[in-house]
Amino acid sequence: MDYAVLLHFDPTTEARLQTDIDRLAAAGINPAFKDMGMRPHLTITTFSAPDISLVQRVLALAARKWQPFPIRLASVGLFPVEPGVLFYAPIVEETLLSVHRELHESMGAYCNEFSPLYQEDNWVAHCTLALDLSVPEMMKGIEVLSKGFEPVEARFSELTVIACCPYRGIATFPLI
């Protein structure tokens, strides 16, 4: 896929998540996106589109429609493939599902393809903390994150579109 739509967190949440990513790095676990300069986020979709400016217009309109909204990152999860991914998983509520559904519907006319991993029936909402991990690294990461774990009371405040592989930010739209 050529692009992705991300929900970014407010600065307070972002700092809290960065603390946990730094704890993982201090334990020798590959931090998420550190070398790419990506901020903690939740990916709504990845897609290909012939004209990204049309998608940007859709995202700008959508961001004006939604206010910043809360989410609770309530558990530590992993994608048990090798290399694996360690993440915080949110409690998925109707607001997040509505944003996900509405963005897919409104972007559909301007996109060639959406990744099946981010379609409604397959989507596992998550905030990646570390990636490209071996099984022992994932287990060590769970141990690090479990010490003193408390759910993260988070808030989404921005909608962002990026180019993928390599990562390049294209546009950010504050939720109003």
Foldseek 3Di string as FASTA:
>chain_A
DFKWKWFDFDPVLQVVLVVLLVLLVVVVFAWPCPVLPDTWTKTLWDFAFPDVVVLVVLQQVVLAVFAKDKWKQADWDKDPDAFIWIWGAIDDDPVNVVSSVVSCVSCVVGTPDIPPCNPPVNDGITTTTGTNHDPVSNVVSRVSCVVVHDIRTIITFWMWMWTVDPTDTDDIHTRD
